[in-house]
Amino acid sequence: MTFISGYSLTEDYAGHFQRIGAFAIDLAILTAAGALIALAAEFLAGSDPVTVPLLSAFQLLMPWFYYAAMESSSRGATIGKMILGIRVVDAEGYTSTFGRAALRAIPKCLPVLWPGYLAAVFTRRRQAFHDLIAKTLVVRAE
């Protein structure tokens, strides 16, 4: 049994509705940011032939970087997770490294892999596909 700050991880896994809610909040944030970038690209379309492709590349990589940077930060959570009181930790209960969070973010950014969220319903530690490949857990924040 793994312990983190005096409590057992086996009792403090994030609930399914907390995870779904956090994902919805993060998706709304990323959609709004993507729309702003698209508007900027439209506004700058005729000014510079390099600007629009750079903005498009940034728009594609932004969700991956958002998840990787936020979940490897000291809080170990995206804005949605912070609002709902959950965080991502490694198997020992520590905040994920950027590399582990970056690996975890890849399936989350590919809609074709979103059915992997269903694994959380069937695994003992409520781990989705992206948690299983990155060896992470989503737990209630202290």
N, C-alpha and C. Protein backbone atom coordinates (compact mmCIF):
# COMPACT_ATOMS: atom_id res chain seq x y z
N MET A 1 0.84 -1.18 0.00
CA MET A 1 0.00 0.00 0.00
C MET A 1 0.89 1.24 0.00
N THR A 2 0.57 2.19 -0.87
CA THR A 2 1.33 3.42 -0.98
C THR A 2 0.67 4.51 -0.15
N PHE A 3 1.48 5.30 0.52
CA PHE A 3 0.96 6.39 1.33
C PHE A 3 1.48 7.72 0.81
N ILE A 4 0.67 8.72 0.92
CA ILE A 4 1.07 10.07 0.56
C ILE A 4 0.59 10.99 1.69
N SER A 5 1.50 11.65 2.31
CA SER A 5 1.19 12.60 3.39
C SER A 5 0.26 12.02 4.44
N GLY A 6 0.47 10.78 4.82
CA GLY A 6 -0.28 10.21 5.92
C GLY A 6 -1.61 9.59 5.57
N TYR A 7 -2.02 9.60 4.33
CA TYR A 7 -3.26 8.92 4.00
C TYR A 7 -3.03 7.95 2.86
N SER A 8 -3.85 6.95 2.79
CA SER A 8 -3.68 5.89 1.82
C SER A 8 -4.26 6.28 0.47
N LEU A 9 -3.48 6.06 -0.58
CA LEU A 9 -3.98 6.33 -1.92
C LEU A 9 -5.16 5.42 -2.28
N THR A 10 -5.25 4.27 -1.64
CA THR A 10 -6.32 3.35 -1.99
C THR A 10 -7.68 3.91 -1.62
N GLU A 11 -7.73 4.89 -0.75
CA GLU A 11 -9.00 5.46 -0.33
C GLU A 11 -9.27 6.83 -0.94
N ASP A 12 -8.30 7.41 -1.62
CA ASP A 12 -8.43 8.79 -2.06
C ASP A 12 -8.34 9.00 -3.56
N TYR A 13 -8.72 8.01 -4.35
CA TYR A 13 -8.74 8.19 -5.79
C TYR A 13 -9.85 9.17 -6.15
N ALA A 14 -9.62 9.98 -7.16
CA ALA A 14 -10.63 10.93 -7.60
C ALA A 14 -11.84 10.18 -8.14
N GLY A 15 -13.00 10.75 -7.90
CA GLY A 15 -14.24 10.15 -8.39
C GLY A 15 -14.39 10.36 -9.89
N HIS A 16 -15.21 9.53 -10.50
CA HIS A 16 -15.42 9.61 -11.94
C HIS A 16 -16.01 10.95 -12.34
N PHE A 17 -16.98 11.45 -11.57
CA PHE A 17 -17.60 12.72 -11.92
C PHE A 17 -16.64 13.89 -11.73
N GLN A 18 -15.73 13.80 -10.76
CA GLN A 18 -14.72 14.84 -10.60
C GLN A 18 -13.82 14.87 -11.84
N ARG A 19 -13.42 13.71 -12.31
CA ARG A 19 -12.54 13.64 -13.48
C ARG A 19 -13.26 14.15 -14.73
N ILE A 20 -14.51 13.77 -14.91
CA ILE A 20 -15.27 14.22 -16.08
C ILE A 20 -15.47 15.74 -16.02
N GLY A 21 -15.79 16.25 -14.84
CA GLY A 21 -15.97 17.69 -14.68
C GLY A 21 -14.70 18.46 -14.96
N ALA A 22 -13.58 17.96 -14.45
CA ALA A 22 -12.29 18.62 -14.69
C ALA A 22 -11.95 18.62 -16.17
N PHE A 23 -12.21 17.50 -16.84
CA PHE A 23 -11.96 17.42 -18.28
C PHE A 23 -12.83 18.42 -19.03
N ALA A 24 -14.09 18.55 -18.64
CA ALA A 24 -14.99 19.49 -19.30
C ALA A 24 -14.53 20.94 -19.12
N ILE A 25 -14.09 21.28 -17.91
CA ILE A 25 -13.58 22.63 -17.65
C ILE A 25 -12.34 22.90 -18.49
N ASP A 26 -11.41 21.95 -18.50
CA ASP A 26 -10.18 22.11 -19.27
C ASP A 26 -10.47 22.19 -20.77
N LEU A 27 -11.42 21.39 -21.23
CA LEU A 27 -11.79 21.42 -22.64
C LEU A 27 -12.37 22.79 -23.01
N ALA A 28 -13.18 23.36 -22.13
CA ALA A 28 -13.75 24.69 -22.39
C ALA A 28 -12.64 25.74 -22.45
N ILE A 29 -11.68 25.66 -21.53
CA ILE A 29 -10.56 26.60 -21.52
C ILE A 29 -9.75 26.47 -22.80
N LEU A 30 -9.43 25.25 -23.19
CA LEU A 30 -8.63 25.02 -24.39
C LEU A 30 -9.38 25.41 -25.66
N THR A 31 -10.68 25.20 -25.68
CA THR A 31 -11.48 25.59 -26.84
C THR A 31 -11.50 27.11 -26.99
N ALA A 32 -11.67 27.81 -25.87
CA ALA A 32 -11.67 29.28 -25.91
C ALA A 32 -10.31 29.81 -26.36
N ALA A 33 -9.25 29.24 -25.83
CA ALA A 33 -7.90 29.67 -26.22
C ALA A 33 -7.66 29.38 -27.70
N GLY A 34 -8.09 28.21 -28.16
CA GLY A 34 -7.94 27.86 -29.57
C GLY A 34 -8.72 28.80 -30.47
N ALA A 35 -9.91 29.20 -30.04
CA ALA A 35 -10.72 30.14 -30.83
C ALA A 35 -10.03 31.50 -30.93
N LEU A 36 -9.42 31.94 -29.84
CA LEU A 36 -8.69 33.21 -29.87
C LEU A 36 -7.50 33.15 -30.82
N ILE A 37 -6.81 32.02 -30.82
CA ILE A 37 -5.67 31.85 -31.73
C ILE A 37 -6.16 31.83 -33.17
N ALA A 38 -7.28 31.16 -33.42
CA ALA A 38 -7.85 31.13 -34.77
C ALA A 38 -8.24 32.53 -35.23
N LEU A 39 -8.82 33.31 -34.33
CA LEU A 39 -9.16 34.70 -34.68
C LEU A 39 -7.92 35.51 -34.99
N ALA A 40 -6.87 35.32 -34.20
CA ALA A 40 -5.61 36.02 -34.46
C ALA A 40 -5.03 35.61 -35.80
N ALA A 41 -5.08 34.34 -36.13
CA ALA A 41 -4.57 33.85 -37.41
C ALA A 41 -5.37 34.45 -38.56
N GLU A 42 -6.69 34.54 -38.38
CA GLU A 42 -7.54 35.13 -39.43
C GLU A 42 -7.22 36.61 -39.61
N PHE A 43 -7.01 37.30 -38.51
CA PHE A 43 -6.70 38.73 -38.56
C PHE A 43 -5.34 38.97 -39.22
N LEU A 44 -4.37 38.09 -38.95
CA LEU A 44 -3.01 38.26 -39.47
C LEU A 44 -2.75 37.52 -40.78
N ALA A 45 -3.78 36.92 -41.36
CA ALA A 45 -3.61 36.05 -42.52
C ALA A 45 -2.87 36.71 -43.69
N GLY A 46 -3.13 37.94 -43.98
CA GLY A 46 -2.50 38.57 -45.14
C GLY A 46 -1.20 39.27 -44.84
N SER A 47 -0.85 39.42 -43.57
CA SER A 47 0.31 40.23 -43.23
C SER A 47 1.65 39.53 -43.38
N ASP A 48 1.72 38.27 -43.02
CA ASP A 48 3.01 37.57 -43.03
C ASP A 48 2.76 36.09 -43.33
N PRO A 49 3.42 35.54 -44.33
CA PRO A 49 3.17 34.13 -44.69
C PRO A 49 3.66 33.13 -43.64
N VAL A 50 4.47 33.56 -42.70
CA VAL A 50 4.99 32.65 -41.67
C VAL A 50 4.13 32.65 -40.42
N THR A 51 3.46 33.74 -40.13
CA THR A 51 2.71 33.89 -38.89
C THR A 51 1.58 32.86 -38.75
N VAL A 52 0.79 32.69 -39.78
CA VAL A 52 -0.37 31.80 -39.70
C VAL A 52 0.06 30.34 -39.47
N PRO A 53 1.06 29.82 -40.22
CA PRO A 53 1.49 28.44 -39.91
C PRO A 53 2.04 28.29 -38.50
N LEU A 54 2.73 29.31 -38.00
CA LEU A 54 3.24 29.24 -36.62
C LEU A 54 2.10 29.24 -35.62
N LEU A 55 1.10 30.07 -35.83
CA LEU A 55 -0.06 30.09 -34.94
C LEU A 55 -0.82 28.76 -35.01
N SER A 56 -0.91 28.19 -36.18
CA SER A 56 -1.59 26.89 -36.33
C SER A 56 -0.83 25.79 -35.60
N ALA A 57 0.49 25.79 -35.71
CA ALA A 57 1.29 24.80 -35.00
C ALA A 57 1.14 24.98 -33.49
N PHE A 58 1.15 26.23 -33.04
CA PHE A 58 0.96 26.50 -31.62
C PHE A 58 -0.40 26.02 -31.15
N GLN A 59 -1.43 26.25 -31.99
CA GLN A 59 -2.78 25.83 -31.65
C GLN A 59 -2.87 24.31 -31.50
N LEU A 60 -2.13 23.58 -32.31
CA LEU A 60 -2.13 22.12 -32.22
C LEU A 60 -1.39 21.61 -30.99
N LEU A 61 -0.29 22.27 -30.64
CA LEU A 61 0.53 21.83 -29.51
C LEU A 61 0.07 22.37 -28.16
N MET A 62 -0.76 23.40 -28.18
CA MET A 62 -1.19 24.04 -26.93
C MET A 62 -1.85 23.09 -25.94
N PRO A 63 -2.80 22.23 -26.33
CA PRO A 63 -3.41 21.34 -25.34
C PRO A 63 -2.39 20.40 -24.69
N TRP A 64 -1.49 19.86 -25.50
CA TRP A 64 -0.47 18.97 -24.96
C TRP A 64 0.39 19.70 -23.93
N PHE A 65 0.85 20.91 -24.28
CA PHE A 65 1.70 21.66 -23.36
C PHE A 65 0.93 22.08 -22.12
N TYR A 66 -0.34 22.46 -22.27
CA TYR A 66 -1.18 22.85 -21.13
C TYR A 66 -1.24 21.71 -20.12
N TYR A 67 -1.59 20.51 -20.58
CA TYR A 67 -1.69 19.37 -19.67
C TYR A 67 -0.33 19.03 -19.07
N ALA A 68 0.71 18.97 -19.88
CA ALA A 68 2.04 18.59 -19.39
C ALA A 68 2.57 19.60 -18.37
N ALA A 69 2.47 20.87 -18.69
CA ALA A 69 3.00 21.90 -17.79
C ALA A 69 2.20 22.00 -16.49
N MET A 70 0.90 21.99 -16.59
CA MET A 70 0.06 22.14 -15.40
C MET A 70 0.16 20.91 -14.48
N GLU A 71 0.16 19.72 -15.06
CA GLU A 71 0.16 18.51 -14.23
C GLU A 71 1.54 18.18 -13.68
N SER A 72 2.60 18.81 -14.20
CA SER A 72 3.93 18.62 -13.62
C SER A 72 4.31 19.81 -12.73
N SER A 73 3.42 20.77 -12.57
CA SER A 73 3.68 21.90 -11.69
C SER A 73 3.58 21.46 -10.23
N SER A 74 3.89 22.36 -9.34
CA SER A 74 3.85 22.01 -7.91
C SER A 74 2.45 21.61 -7.45
N ARG A 75 1.41 22.10 -8.10
CA ARG A 75 0.04 21.72 -7.73
C ARG A 75 -0.37 20.39 -8.35
N GLY A 76 0.30 19.99 -9.42
CA GLY A 76 0.00 18.72 -10.06
C GLY A 76 -1.39 18.65 -10.66
N ALA A 77 -1.91 19.79 -11.10
CA ALA A 77 -3.28 19.81 -11.58
C ALA A 77 -3.49 20.89 -12.63
N THR A 78 -4.40 20.62 -13.54
CA THR A 78 -4.85 21.63 -14.48
C THR A 78 -5.84 22.54 -13.76
N ILE A 79 -6.29 23.57 -14.43
CA ILE A 79 -7.27 24.47 -13.80
C ILE A 79 -8.54 23.72 -13.43
N GLY A 80 -9.01 22.86 -14.32
CA GLY A 80 -10.20 22.06 -14.03
C GLY A 80 -10.01 21.17 -12.82
N LYS A 81 -8.87 20.53 -12.72
CA LYS A 81 -8.59 19.67 -11.56
C LYS A 81 -8.49 20.49 -10.28
N MET A 82 -7.87 21.67 -10.36
CA MET A 82 -7.77 22.52 -9.17
C MET A 82 -9.16 22.92 -8.68
N ILE A 83 -10.03 23.31 -9.60
CA ILE A 83 -11.38 23.73 -9.23
C ILE A 83 -12.13 22.60 -8.54
N LEU A 84 -11.92 21.37 -9.02
CA LEU A 84 -12.65 20.23 -8.47
C LEU A 84 -11.88 19.47 -7.38
N GLY A 85 -10.72 19.98 -6.98
CA GLY A 85 -10.01 19.42 -5.84
C GLY A 85 -9.35 18.08 -6.08
N ILE A 86 -8.80 17.88 -7.27
CA ILE A 86 -8.08 16.64 -7.56
C ILE A 86 -6.73 16.98 -8.17
N ARG A 87 -5.83 16.01 -8.18
CA ARG A 87 -4.50 16.24 -8.75
C ARG A 87 -3.93 14.94 -9.29
N VAL A 88 -2.88 15.05 -10.10
CA VAL A 88 -2.19 13.90 -10.69
C VAL A 88 -0.92 13.65 -9.91
N VAL A 89 -0.68 12.38 -9.55
CA VAL A 89 0.54 11.99 -8.86
C VAL A 89 1.11 10.74 -9.52
N ASP A 90 2.38 10.46 -9.25
CA ASP A 90 2.95 9.20 -9.72
C ASP A 90 2.56 8.09 -8.76
N ALA A 91 3.04 6.89 -9.01
CA ALA A 91 2.64 5.73 -8.20
C ALA A 91 3.08 5.85 -6.74
N GLU A 92 4.05 6.69 -6.46
CA GLU A 92 4.52 6.88 -5.09
C GLU A 92 3.84 8.05 -4.40
N GLY A 93 3.00 8.75 -5.10
CA GLY A 93 2.28 9.87 -4.50
C GLY A 93 2.93 11.22 -4.70
N TYR A 94 3.99 11.28 -5.51
CA TYR A 94 4.68 12.54 -5.77
C TYR A 94 4.14 13.19 -7.03
N THR A 95 4.30 14.50 -7.13
CA THR A 95 3.93 15.22 -8.34
C THR A 95 4.71 14.65 -9.53
N SER A 96 4.05 14.51 -10.65
CA SER A 96 4.68 13.95 -11.84
C SER A 96 5.78 14.85 -12.37
N THR A 97 6.76 14.23 -13.00
CA THR A 97 7.79 14.99 -13.72
C THR A 97 7.17 15.50 -15.02
N PHE A 98 7.84 16.45 -15.65
CA PHE A 98 7.33 16.96 -16.92
C PHE A 98 7.28 15.84 -17.96
N GLY A 99 8.27 14.98 -18.00
CA GLY A 99 8.28 13.89 -18.96
C GLY A 99 7.11 12.95 -18.79
N ARG A 100 6.82 12.58 -17.56
CA ARG A 100 5.69 11.68 -17.27
C ARG A 100 4.37 12.38 -17.61
N ALA A 101 4.26 13.67 -17.27
CA ALA A 101 3.04 14.42 -17.58
C ALA A 101 2.89 14.60 -19.09
N ALA A 102 4.01 14.79 -19.80
CA ALA A 102 3.96 14.94 -21.26
C ALA A 102 3.50 13.64 -21.92
N LEU A 103 3.99 12.51 -21.43
CA LEU A 103 3.55 11.21 -21.94
C LEU A 103 2.07 11.01 -21.67
N ARG A 104 1.63 11.36 -20.48
CA ARG A 104 0.22 11.22 -20.09
C ARG A 104 -0.68 12.10 -20.96
N ALA A 105 -0.17 13.24 -21.40
CA ALA A 105 -0.97 14.20 -22.16
C ALA A 105 -1.21 13.76 -23.60
N ILE A 106 -0.36 12.94 -24.16
CA ILE A 106 -0.50 12.57 -25.57
C ILE A 106 -1.86 11.93 -25.87
N PRO A 107 -2.28 10.87 -25.16
CA PRO A 107 -3.60 10.29 -25.47
C PRO A 107 -4.76 11.23 -25.17
N LYS A 108 -4.57 12.15 -24.22
CA LYS A 108 -5.64 13.09 -23.88
C LYS A 108 -5.87 14.09 -25.01
N CYS A 109 -4.86 14.32 -25.83
CA CYS A 109 -4.95 15.32 -26.91
C CYS A 109 -5.39 14.71 -28.23
N LEU A 110 -5.58 13.42 -28.27
CA LEU A 110 -6.02 12.74 -29.50
C LEU A 110 -7.43 12.20 -29.28
N PRO A 111 -8.43 12.89 -29.80
CA PRO A 111 -9.82 12.47 -29.55
C PRO A 111 -10.09 11.00 -29.88
N VAL A 112 -9.37 10.43 -30.83
CA VAL A 112 -9.58 9.02 -31.16
C VAL A 112 -9.26 8.11 -29.97
N LEU A 113 -8.45 8.60 -29.03
CA LEU A 113 -8.08 7.81 -27.84
C LEU A 113 -8.92 8.16 -26.61
N TRP A 114 -9.87 9.07 -26.73
CA TRP A 114 -10.70 9.44 -25.58
C TRP A 114 -11.49 8.28 -25.00
N PRO A 115 -11.85 7.26 -25.78
CA PRO A 115 -12.52 6.11 -25.13
C PRO A 115 -11.65 5.46 -24.04
N GLY A 116 -10.35 5.75 -24.04
CA GLY A 116 -9.46 5.25 -23.00
C GLY A 116 -9.83 5.74 -21.61
N TYR A 117 -10.64 6.80 -21.54
CA TYR A 117 -11.13 7.27 -20.24
C TYR A 117 -12.00 6.20 -19.58
N LEU A 118 -12.64 5.37 -20.37
CA LEU A 118 -13.51 4.33 -19.82
C LEU A 118 -12.75 3.31 -18.98
N ALA A 119 -11.46 3.18 -19.20
CA ALA A 119 -10.67 2.25 -18.40
C ALA A 119 -10.76 2.59 -16.91
N ALA A 120 -10.96 3.86 -16.59
CA ALA A 120 -11.06 4.28 -15.19
C ALA A 120 -12.23 3.63 -14.47
N VAL A 121 -13.24 3.26 -15.22
CA VAL A 121 -14.41 2.61 -14.62
C VAL A 121 -14.08 1.17 -14.21
N PHE A 122 -13.16 0.55 -14.93
CA PHE A 122 -12.89 -0.87 -14.74
C PHE A 122 -11.61 -1.19 -13.99
N THR A 123 -10.76 -0.21 -13.73
CA THR A 123 -9.50 -0.48 -13.03
C THR A 123 -9.65 -0.20 -11.54
N ARG A 124 -8.93 -0.96 -10.76
CA ARG A 124 -9.02 -0.88 -9.30
C ARG A 124 -8.66 0.51 -8.78
N ARG A 125 -7.67 1.14 -9.39
CA ARG A 125 -7.22 2.45 -8.92
C ARG A 125 -7.76 3.59 -9.78
N ARG A 126 -8.86 3.30 -10.50
CA ARG A 126 -9.55 4.29 -11.34
C ARG A 126 -8.61 4.96 -12.34
N GLN A 127 -7.75 4.17 -12.96
CA GLN A 127 -6.80 4.71 -13.92
C GLN A 127 -7.35 4.60 -15.34
N ALA A 128 -7.33 5.72 -16.05
CA ALA A 128 -7.68 5.74 -17.46
C ALA A 128 -6.47 5.28 -18.26
N PHE A 129 -6.65 5.11 -19.56
CA PHE A 129 -5.57 4.63 -20.42
C PHE A 129 -4.32 5.50 -20.29
N HIS A 130 -4.49 6.82 -20.29
CA HIS A 130 -3.33 7.71 -20.19
C HIS A 130 -2.64 7.60 -18.83
N ASP A 131 -3.39 7.25 -17.78
CA ASP A 131 -2.77 7.02 -16.47
C ASP A 131 -1.97 5.72 -16.47
N LEU A 132 -2.51 4.72 -17.11
CA LEU A 132 -1.83 3.42 -17.16
C LEU A 132 -0.50 3.51 -17.90
N ILE A 133 -0.48 4.21 -19.04
CA ILE A 133 0.78 4.27 -19.79
C ILE A 133 1.81 5.16 -19.10
N ALA A 134 1.36 6.17 -18.36
CA ALA A 134 2.29 7.08 -17.68
C ALA A 134 2.56 6.67 -16.23
N LYS A 135 1.87 5.63 -15.76
CA LYS A 135 1.99 5.17 -14.37
C LYS A 135 1.69 6.29 -13.39
N THR A 136 0.50 6.89 -13.58
CA THR A 136 0.05 7.96 -12.70
C THR A 136 -1.31 7.62 -12.11
N LEU A 137 -1.67 8.39 -11.10
CA LEU A 137 -2.98 8.26 -10.43
C LEU A 137 -3.58 9.65 -10.32
N VAL A 138 -4.90 9.70 -10.29
CA VAL A 138 -5.58 10.98 -10.02
C VAL A 138 -6.23 10.81 -8.66
N VAL A 139 -5.83 11.68 -7.73
CA VAL A 139 -6.28 11.57 -6.34
C VAL A 139 -6.92 12.88 -5.90
N ARG A 140 -7.64 12.80 -4.80
CA ARG A 140 -8.20 14.01 -4.20
C ARG A 140 -7.04 14.84 -3.65
N ALA A 141 -7.10 16.13 -3.87
CA ALA A 141 -6.05 17.02 -3.35
C ALA A 141 -6.23 17.16 -1.84
N GLU A 142 -5.15 17.42 -1.17
CA GLU A 142 -5.19 17.54 0.30
C GLU A 142 -5.90 18.80 0.72
